Amino acid sequence: MRLGILVTIVSGFGKKGFYHSQEIGLGKALIAGGHRVTIYKCISMDKPADHRVICENLDMYDIPVRALGVHGFMNPDVLDPQLDGLLVFSDTQLFLPRIYRYCVRHSIAFVPYIGIAHSAQRNLKSRLMDAAFAMGTLRIYKQLPVIAKSKAVQDELLALGVNRCSVAPVGLDPSELRTDFASHDRTQLRAAYGYTDNDVIISFVGRLKPEKSPVETISLFADICSRKPFKLLMVGEGYLKESVEAKISEHNLQDRVQLIERVPYEKMWEIHYISDYFLNLCTREIFGMALLESVYYRSSAAALHAPGPDAILTGLPGHCLCDTIEQAGEWVSAPMPDEAALVRASKELLDRFSWKICADQFTAITQEAHHG
């Protein structure tokens, strides 16, 4: 079949060179099934349009669009009218009804792939956005089979009246992973970042914004850093950078905390591999690609309960879902998990989080739309 993947979200989603690309990972799984795939990705108007061939039968177009916040306003005429199906990374995007109408006119199966069904922030603007979503995009969801990224999102959609909702988690793209990571000299790699084998490294990877709790991470680190020879390695940028640096200075932790604004995606595996622990104190984590990859690279994760961590860590040995920040501190302060448990969790992760699951559901919905 001729299939399309559309990302109208205009933000850091899948930012080239810095993040695992969900749309490309799914695209590769689809072409492995014998399909021809085109990815359409909305970008801000200040960036140039682009077309690149990812691999045989997989093309990607970057399309500059006007946007209202992260809501891209795309002209659907750029889509191939001969598509059999279009999977849309849709969430609460406001301008999807015009894309849906285009698909109806051209007999293209429209398949939403949903990671959130409400605004992450709880303020007046978010309430207005949620109301606009309910009057437009949500009505479309109620008419169609949709795919949720997690059981928590499925439950929320069912409560909103979206009755045909299956679950397919975000996957890991094996071609983007360093499958040979364990063969690399960890001591040498640690030294390149300024660490020794005696250091117990906790990593934080995320935006320096309130929802990711970077300041709280520093406070927790200050509380536990006397229990082990801890070092904290933070990777992220955002407007809380000055607050993070102030908190580091307040606790006199300059020699124990390293802050790196950006690490290119092809080197992110090094951060996870050299770290003993990965810390995620975000209580609104929708998924958590960095969390997923930390488990793959055998860094023991401690994360507060949230939809993403609950989906990823439940049942995995060597990792901890925490009710409180204090419990996360107790986990990293306790004896390190057995290496065999981390290896087992890493292997299990590849089975549970495969893009083939989503690809199979998308193609099944598309075939049913044309032949049902």
Protein backbone atom coordinates (compact mmCIF):
# COMPACT_ATOMS: atom_id res chain seq x y z
CA MET A 1 0.00 0.00 0.00
CA ARG A 2 0.91 3.66 -0.33
CA LEU A 3 0.92 5.03 3.20
CA GLY A 4 1.54 8.42 4.75
CA ILE A 5 2.66 9.59 8.18
CA LEU A 6 1.82 13.15 9.19
CA VAL A 7 3.24 15.22 12.06
CA THR A 8 1.49 18.58 12.38
CA ILE A 9 3.00 19.23 15.83
CA VAL A 10 5.37 22.19 15.45
CA SER A 11 7.87 21.84 18.30
CA GLY A 12 10.98 19.89 19.22
CA PHE A 13 9.12 16.66 18.33
CA GLY A 14 11.68 14.48 16.58
CA LYS A 15 14.09 17.40 16.16
CA LYS A 16 16.64 16.30 13.59
CA GLY A 17 19.96 15.34 15.12
CA PHE A 18 18.84 15.53 18.76
CA TYR A 19 15.93 13.16 19.28
CA HIS A 20 14.84 9.68 18.32
CA SER A 21 12.48 10.21 15.39
CA GLN A 22 9.23 8.41 16.09
CA GLU A 23 7.86 9.01 12.61
CA ILE A 24 10.97 7.58 10.95
CA GLY A 25 10.99 4.56 13.26
CA LEU A 26 7.38 3.82 12.34
CA GLY A 27 8.11 4.45 8.67
CA LYS A 28 10.88 1.87 8.68
CA ALA A 29 8.58 -0.70 10.28
CA LEU A 30 5.99 -0.06 7.58
CA ILE A 31 8.40 -0.46 4.67
CA ALA A 32 9.63 -3.68 6.28
CA GLY A 33 6.06 -4.88 5.71
CA GLY A 34 6.34 -4.13 2.00
CA HIS A 35 4.68 -0.71 1.90
CA ARG A 36 5.68 2.58 0.26
CA VAL A 37 5.76 5.37 2.87
CA THR A 38 5.90 9.16 2.76
CA ILE A 39 6.41 11.23 5.93
CA TYR A 40 5.04 14.78 6.05
CA LYS A 41 6.46 16.83 8.91
CA CYS A 42 5.35 20.36 9.75
CA ILE A 43 8.06 22.82 10.75
CA SER A 44 8.01 26.52 11.65
CA MET A 45 7.87 29.12 8.90
CA ASP A 46 11.42 30.35 9.61
CA LYS A 47 12.88 27.02 8.47
CA PRO A 48 13.34 25.90 4.86
CA ALA A 49 11.29 23.23 3.16
CA ASP A 50 13.19 20.04 2.57
CA HIS A 51 12.83 16.63 0.97
CA ARG A 52 15.08 13.71 1.70
CA VAL A 53 15.10 10.02 0.96
CA ILE A 54 15.51 8.22 4.29
CA CYS A 55 15.95 4.86 2.58
CA GLU A 56 14.37 2.93 -0.27
CA ASN A 57 10.56 3.41 -0.25
CA LEU A 58 10.72 5.96 2.59
CA ASP A 59 10.66 9.69 1.80
CA MET A 60 10.32 12.62 4.19
CA TYR A 61 9.12 16.15 3.49
CA ASP A 62 9.66 19.06 5.89
CA ILE A 63 6.83 21.54 5.32
CA PRO A 64 6.94 25.10 6.74
CA VAL A 65 3.53 26.04 8.12
CA ARG A 66 1.83 28.72 10.12
CA ALA A 67 1.12 27.61 13.67
CA LEU A 68 -0.83 28.48 16.77
CA GLY A 69 1.61 27.41 19.46
CA VAL A 70 2.44 23.80 18.60
CA HIS A 71 -0.66 23.42 16.41
CA GLY A 72 0.44 23.40 12.78
CA PHE A 73 -1.94 24.79 10.15
CA MET A 74 -1.04 22.71 7.08
CA ASN A 75 -2.52 22.90 3.59
CA PRO A 76 -3.66 19.31 2.98
CA ASP A 77 -3.11 19.68 -0.77
CA VAL A 78 0.57 18.81 -0.21
CA LEU A 79 -0.52 15.25 0.61
CA ASP A 80 -0.44 12.56 -2.07
CA PRO A 81 -4.11 12.01 -3.04
CA GLN A 82 -3.27 8.41 -3.99
CA LEU A 83 -2.47 7.42 -0.41
CA ASP A 84 -4.33 4.41 0.95
CA GLY A 85 -3.93 5.47 4.55
CA LEU A 86 -2.57 8.37 6.61
CA LEU A 87 -1.43 7.92 10.21
CA VAL A 88 -1.38 11.24 12.07
CA PHE A 89 0.61 11.95 15.23
CA SER A 90 -2.43 13.84 16.37
CA ASP A 91 -2.76 14.35 20.16
CA THR A 92 -4.93 17.47 20.70
CA GLN A 93 -3.98 19.18 17.42
CA LEU A 94 -6.65 21.75 16.54
CA PHE A 95 -6.41 21.87 12.76
CA LEU A 96 -6.84 18.19 11.97
CA PRO A 97 -10.48 18.46 10.77
CA ARG A 98 -9.32 19.99 7.47
CA ILE A 99 -6.84 17.12 7.03
CA TYR A 100 -9.61 14.65 7.80
CA ARG A 101 -11.96 16.23 5.24
CA TYR A 102 -9.21 15.98 2.60
CA CYS A 103 -8.79 12.28 3.39
CA VAL A 104 -12.53 11.67 3.13
CA ARG A 105 -12.63 13.37 -0.29
CA HIS A 106 -9.79 11.19 -1.55
CA SER A 107 -10.85 7.94 0.15
CA ILE A 108 -7.74 7.89 2.36
CA ALA A 109 -8.06 6.07 5.67
CA PHE A 110 -7.41 8.65 8.42
CA VAL A 111 -5.81 7.02 11.48
CA PRO A 112 -5.05 9.17 14.57
CA TYR A 113 -2.12 8.10 16.77
CA ILE A 114 -2.66 9.76 20.14
CA GLY A 115 -0.26 10.35 23.00
CA ILE A 116 -2.30 12.89 24.97
CA ALA A 117 -5.96 13.89 25.04
CA HIS A 118 -5.69 17.08 27.10
CA SER A 119 -3.34 20.02 27.41
CA ALA A 120 -0.35 19.37 29.64
CA GLN A 121 -0.63 22.78 31.34
CA ARG A 122 -3.64 23.69 33.49
CA ASN A 123 -4.32 27.38 32.89
CA LEU A 124 -6.86 29.53 31.05
CA LYS A 125 -5.13 29.12 27.69
CA SER A 126 -5.00 25.34 28.04
CA ARG A 127 -8.68 25.21 29.01
CA LEU A 128 -9.57 27.17 25.89
CA MET A 129 -7.45 24.82 23.79
CA ASP A 130 -9.15 21.80 25.34
CA ALA A 131 -12.56 23.29 24.57
CA ALA A 132 -11.56 23.90 20.94
CA PHE A 133 -10.22 20.34 20.73
CA ALA A 134 -13.51 18.95 22.09
CA MET A 135 -15.52 20.84 19.47
CA GLY A 136 -13.38 19.74 16.53
CA THR A 137 -10.72 17.05 16.61
CA LEU A 138 -12.33 15.02 19.41
CA ARG A 139 -15.53 14.72 17.37
CA ILE A 140 -13.50 13.11 14.60
CA TYR A 141 -11.89 10.70 17.03
CA LYS A 142 -15.35 9.52 18.08
CA GLN A 143 -16.15 8.55 14.48
CA LEU A 144 -13.03 6.50 13.75
CA PRO A 145 -10.78 3.70 14.94
CA VAL A 146 -7.86 5.39 16.70
CA ILE A 147 -4.59 4.18 18.22
CA ALA A 148 -3.42 5.30 21.67
CA LYS A 149 0.22 5.30 22.73
CA SER A 150 -0.54 3.87 26.18
CA LYS A 151 -3.25 2.21 28.25
CA ALA A 152 -3.63 5.43 30.26
CA VAL A 153 -4.41 7.41 27.10
CA GLN A 154 -6.80 4.69 25.94
CA ASP A 155 -8.68 4.93 29.24
CA GLU A 156 -8.91 8.69 28.90
CA LEU A 157 -10.18 8.49 25.33
CA LEU A 158 -12.77 5.87 26.27
CA ALA A 159 -14.00 8.20 29.03
CA LEU A 160 -14.32 10.95 26.42
CA GLY A 161 -16.51 8.74 24.22
CA VAL A 162 -13.89 7.46 21.78
CA ASN A 163 -15.06 3.85 21.66
CA ARG A 164 -12.84 2.28 18.97
CA CYS A 165 -9.42 2.69 20.54
CA SER A 166 -6.56 0.20 20.50
CA VAL A 167 -3.09 0.57 22.07
CA ALA A 168 0.30 0.52 20.35
CA PRO A 169 3.26 1.91 22.29
CA VAL A 170 5.98 4.08 20.85
CA GLY A 171 8.77 1.85 19.59
CA LEU A 172 12.52 1.76 19.53
CA ASP A 173 14.09 1.95 16.08
CA PRO A 174 16.76 -0.79 16.08
CA SER A 175 18.66 0.94 13.29
CA GLU A 176 19.12 4.01 15.52
CA LEU A 177 20.38 2.07 18.54
CA ARG A 178 23.99 1.26 19.27
CA THR A 179 23.55 -2.49 19.45
CA ASP A 180 27.28 -2.90 20.12
CA PHE A 181 27.33 -0.51 23.08
CA ALA A 182 28.37 -3.17 25.61
CA SER A 183 31.56 -3.83 23.64
CA HIS A 184 32.80 -0.26 24.20
CA ASP A 185 35.29 0.52 26.97
CA ARG A 186 33.07 2.12 29.64
CA THR A 187 36.06 3.33 31.64
CA GLN A 188 37.49 5.17 28.65
CA LEU A 189 34.12 6.61 27.74
CA ARG A 190 33.54 7.85 31.27
CA ALA A 191 36.95 9.50 31.25
CA ALA A 192 35.99 11.42 28.10
CA TYR A 193 33.18 13.04 30.12
CA GLY A 194 35.40 13.66 33.16
CA TYR A 195 34.39 10.70 35.33
CA THR A 196 36.15 7.75 36.92
CA ASP A 197 34.99 4.20 37.61
CA ASN A 198 34.53 5.14 41.27
CA ASP A 199 31.90 7.77 40.45
CA VAL A 200 28.25 6.77 40.74
CA ILE A 201 26.62 8.72 37.93
CA ILE A 202 22.98 9.78 37.94
CA SER A 203 21.73 11.18 34.64
CA PHE A 204 18.89 13.60 33.94
CA VAL A 205 17.85 14.10 30.31
CA GLY A 206 15.06 16.57 29.59
CA ARG A 207 13.99 20.13 29.05
CA LEU A 208 14.82 22.56 31.84
CA LYS A 209 11.17 23.43 32.34
CA PRO A 210 8.90 23.02 35.39
CA GLU A 211 7.14 19.86 34.22
CA LYS A 212 10.47 18.02 34.04
CA SER A 213 11.39 19.03 37.63
CA PRO A 214 15.07 19.91 37.05
CA VAL A 215 15.29 22.12 40.16
CA GLU A 216 13.70 19.38 42.28
CA THR A 217 16.25 16.98 40.82
CA ILE A 218 19.07 19.18 42.16
CA SER A 219 17.39 19.35 45.57
CA LEU A 220 17.09 15.57 45.72
CA PHE A 221 20.69 15.18 44.64
CA ALA A 222 21.81 17.57 47.37
CA ASP A 223 19.95 15.44 49.90
CA ILE A 224 21.47 12.11 48.86
CA CYS A 225 24.93 13.00 47.57
CA SER A 226 26.57 12.08 50.88
CA ARG A 227 25.35 8.47 50.63
CA LYS A 228 27.53 7.43 47.65
CA PRO A 229 30.23 9.08 45.52
CA PHE A 230 27.42 10.48 43.37
CA LYS A 231 27.86 12.71 40.34
CA LEU A 232 24.90 14.23 38.49
CA LEU A 233 25.02 14.58 34.71
CA MET A 234 22.23 16.80 33.34
CA VAL A 235 21.49 17.12 29.64
CA GLY A 236 18.94 19.73 28.64
CA GLU A 237 18.18 23.34 27.89
CA GLY A 238 15.35 25.65 28.85
CA TYR A 239 14.38 28.78 30.72
CA LEU A 240 15.02 27.22 34.13
CA LYS A 241 18.74 26.98 33.44
CA GLU A 242 19.55 29.93 35.71
CA SER A 243 17.36 28.48 38.49
CA VAL A 244 19.13 25.14 38.13
CA GLU A 245 22.54 26.80 38.30
CA ALA A 246 21.45 28.85 41.33
CA LYS A 247 20.31 25.71 43.13
CA ILE A 248 23.64 24.02 42.31
CA SER A 249 25.50 27.00 43.80
CA GLU A 250 23.20 27.14 46.83
CA HIS A 251 24.23 23.60 47.76
CA ASN A 252 27.86 24.04 46.67
CA LEU A 253 27.59 21.21 44.15
CA GLN A 254 29.57 22.75 41.29
CA ASP A 255 32.16 19.96 41.40
CA ARG A 256 29.51 17.23 41.46
CA VAL A 257 27.02 18.39 38.82
CA GLN A 258 27.75 18.71 35.11
CA LEU A 259 25.21 20.47 32.89
CA ILE A 260 25.33 19.95 29.13
CA GLU A 261 22.78 21.83 27.06
CA ARG A 262 22.78 19.59 24.01
CA VAL A 263 24.09 16.19 23.04
CA PRO A 264 23.59 15.10 19.41
CA TYR A 265 21.35 12.07 19.21
CA GLU A 266 24.08 9.85 17.80
CA LYS A 267 25.99 10.39 21.06
CA MET A 268 23.12 10.11 23.53
CA TRP A 269 23.81 6.42 23.98
CA GLU A 270 27.09 7.40 25.64
CA ILE A 271 25.23 9.37 28.33
CA HIS A 272 23.01 6.41 29.16
CA TYR A 273 25.82 3.84 28.96
CA ILE A 274 28.19 5.64 31.34
CA SER A 275 25.40 6.37 33.85
CA ASP A 276 24.52 4.07 36.70
CA TYR A 277 21.07 5.58 37.21
CA PHE A 278 18.52 7.59 35.24
CA LEU A 279 16.22 9.91 37.20
CA ASN A 280 12.81 11.12 36.00
CA LEU A 281 10.76 13.20 38.45
CA CYS A 282 8.16 14.35 35.89
CA THR A 283 4.65 13.48 37.06
CA ARG A 284 3.11 14.30 33.67
CA GLU A 285 5.47 12.29 31.49
CA ILE A 286 3.42 11.28 28.45
CA PHE A 287 5.92 8.74 27.25
CA GLY A 288 9.60 9.37 27.83
CA MET A 289 11.89 8.36 24.98
CA ALA A 290 14.98 9.11 27.08
CA LEU A 291 13.61 6.83 29.79
CA LEU A 292 13.06 4.08 27.23
CA GLU A 293 16.59 4.40 25.91
CA SER A 294 18.14 4.52 29.39
CA VAL A 295 16.61 1.11 30.10
CA TYR A 296 17.92 -0.24 26.79
CA TYR A 297 21.46 0.93 27.63
CA ARG A 298 21.21 -0.66 31.11
CA SER A 299 21.07 2.45 33.25
CA SER A 300 18.82 1.74 36.25
CA ALA A 301 15.80 4.07 36.04
CA ALA A 302 13.94 5.60 38.96
CA ALA A 303 10.82 7.44 37.80
CA LEU A 304 7.74 8.88 39.47
CA HIS A 305 4.43 7.37 38.45
CA ALA A 306 3.12 8.90 35.22
CA PRO A 307 1.58 7.42 32.03
CA GLY A 308 4.91 6.96 30.25
CA PRO A 309 6.98 5.52 33.11
CA ASP A 310 4.08 3.27 34.16
CA ALA A 311 3.89 1.84 30.63
CA ILE A 312 7.66 1.41 30.31
CA LEU A 313 8.85 0.27 33.72
CA THR A 314 6.01 -1.90 35.03
CA GLY A 315 7.35 -5.42 35.48
CA LEU A 316 10.91 -4.62 34.41
CA PRO A 317 13.63 -5.88 36.78
CA GLY A 318 16.36 -3.51 37.92
CA HIS A 319 14.20 -0.37 37.69
CA CYS A 320 11.82 1.41 40.06
CA LEU A 321 8.45 3.14 39.72
CA CYS A 322 8.30 5.55 42.64
CA ASP A 323 5.40 7.05 44.56
CA THR A 324 7.50 9.93 45.91
CA ILE A 325 10.70 11.82 45.22
CA GLU A 326 12.08 10.43 48.49
CA GLN A 327 11.51 6.88 47.22
CA ALA A 328 13.51 7.70 44.08
CA GLY A 329 16.33 8.86 46.35
CA GLU A 330 16.16 5.62 48.33
CA TRP A 331 16.38 3.58 45.12
CA VAL A 332 19.56 5.21 43.86
CA SER A 333 21.06 5.17 47.37
CA ALA A 334 20.50 1.43 47.80
CA PRO A 335 22.92 -1.21 46.45
CA MET A 336 23.06 -1.17 42.67
CA PRO A 337 20.74 -3.59 40.83
CA ASP A 338 22.16 -6.84 39.58
CA GLU A 339 23.68 -6.48 36.10
CA ALA A 340 21.82 -9.58 34.91
CA ALA A 341 18.50 -7.91 35.78
CA LEU A 342 19.38 -4.82 33.72
CA VAL A 343 20.41 -7.03 30.78
CA ARG A 344 17.12 -8.94 31.01
CA ALA A 345 15.10 -5.71 31.13
CA SER A 346 16.95 -4.34 28.10
CA LYS A 347 16.08 -7.40 26.03
CA GLU A 348 12.46 -7.44 27.16
CA LEU A 349 12.14 -3.79 26.20
CA LEU A 350 12.84 -4.51 22.53
CA ASP A 351 9.95 -6.98 22.43
CA ARG A 352 7.48 -4.75 24.24
CA PHE A 353 8.31 -1.52 22.41
CA SER A 354 8.50 -2.43 18.74
CA TRP A 355 7.21 -0.15 15.98
CA LYS A 356 5.86 -3.26 14.26
CA ILE A 357 2.96 -3.26 16.75
CA CYS A 358 1.82 0.20 15.62
CA ALA A 359 2.57 -0.56 11.95
CA ASP A 360 0.41 -3.70 12.04
CA GLN A 361 -2.51 -1.85 13.65
CA PHE A 362 -2.26 1.03 11.16
CA THR A 363 -2.24 -1.28 8.14
CA ALA A 364 -5.09 -3.38 9.53
CA ILE A 365 -7.28 -0.28 10.04
CA THR A 366 -6.40 0.96 6.54
CA GLN A 367 -7.27 -2.38 4.93
CA GLU A 368 -10.55 -2.57 6.81
CA ALA A 369 -11.45 0.97 5.71
CA HIS A 370 -11.02 -0.01 2.06
CA HIS A 371 -12.45 -3.54 2.20
CA GLY A 372 -14.67 -3.62 5.25
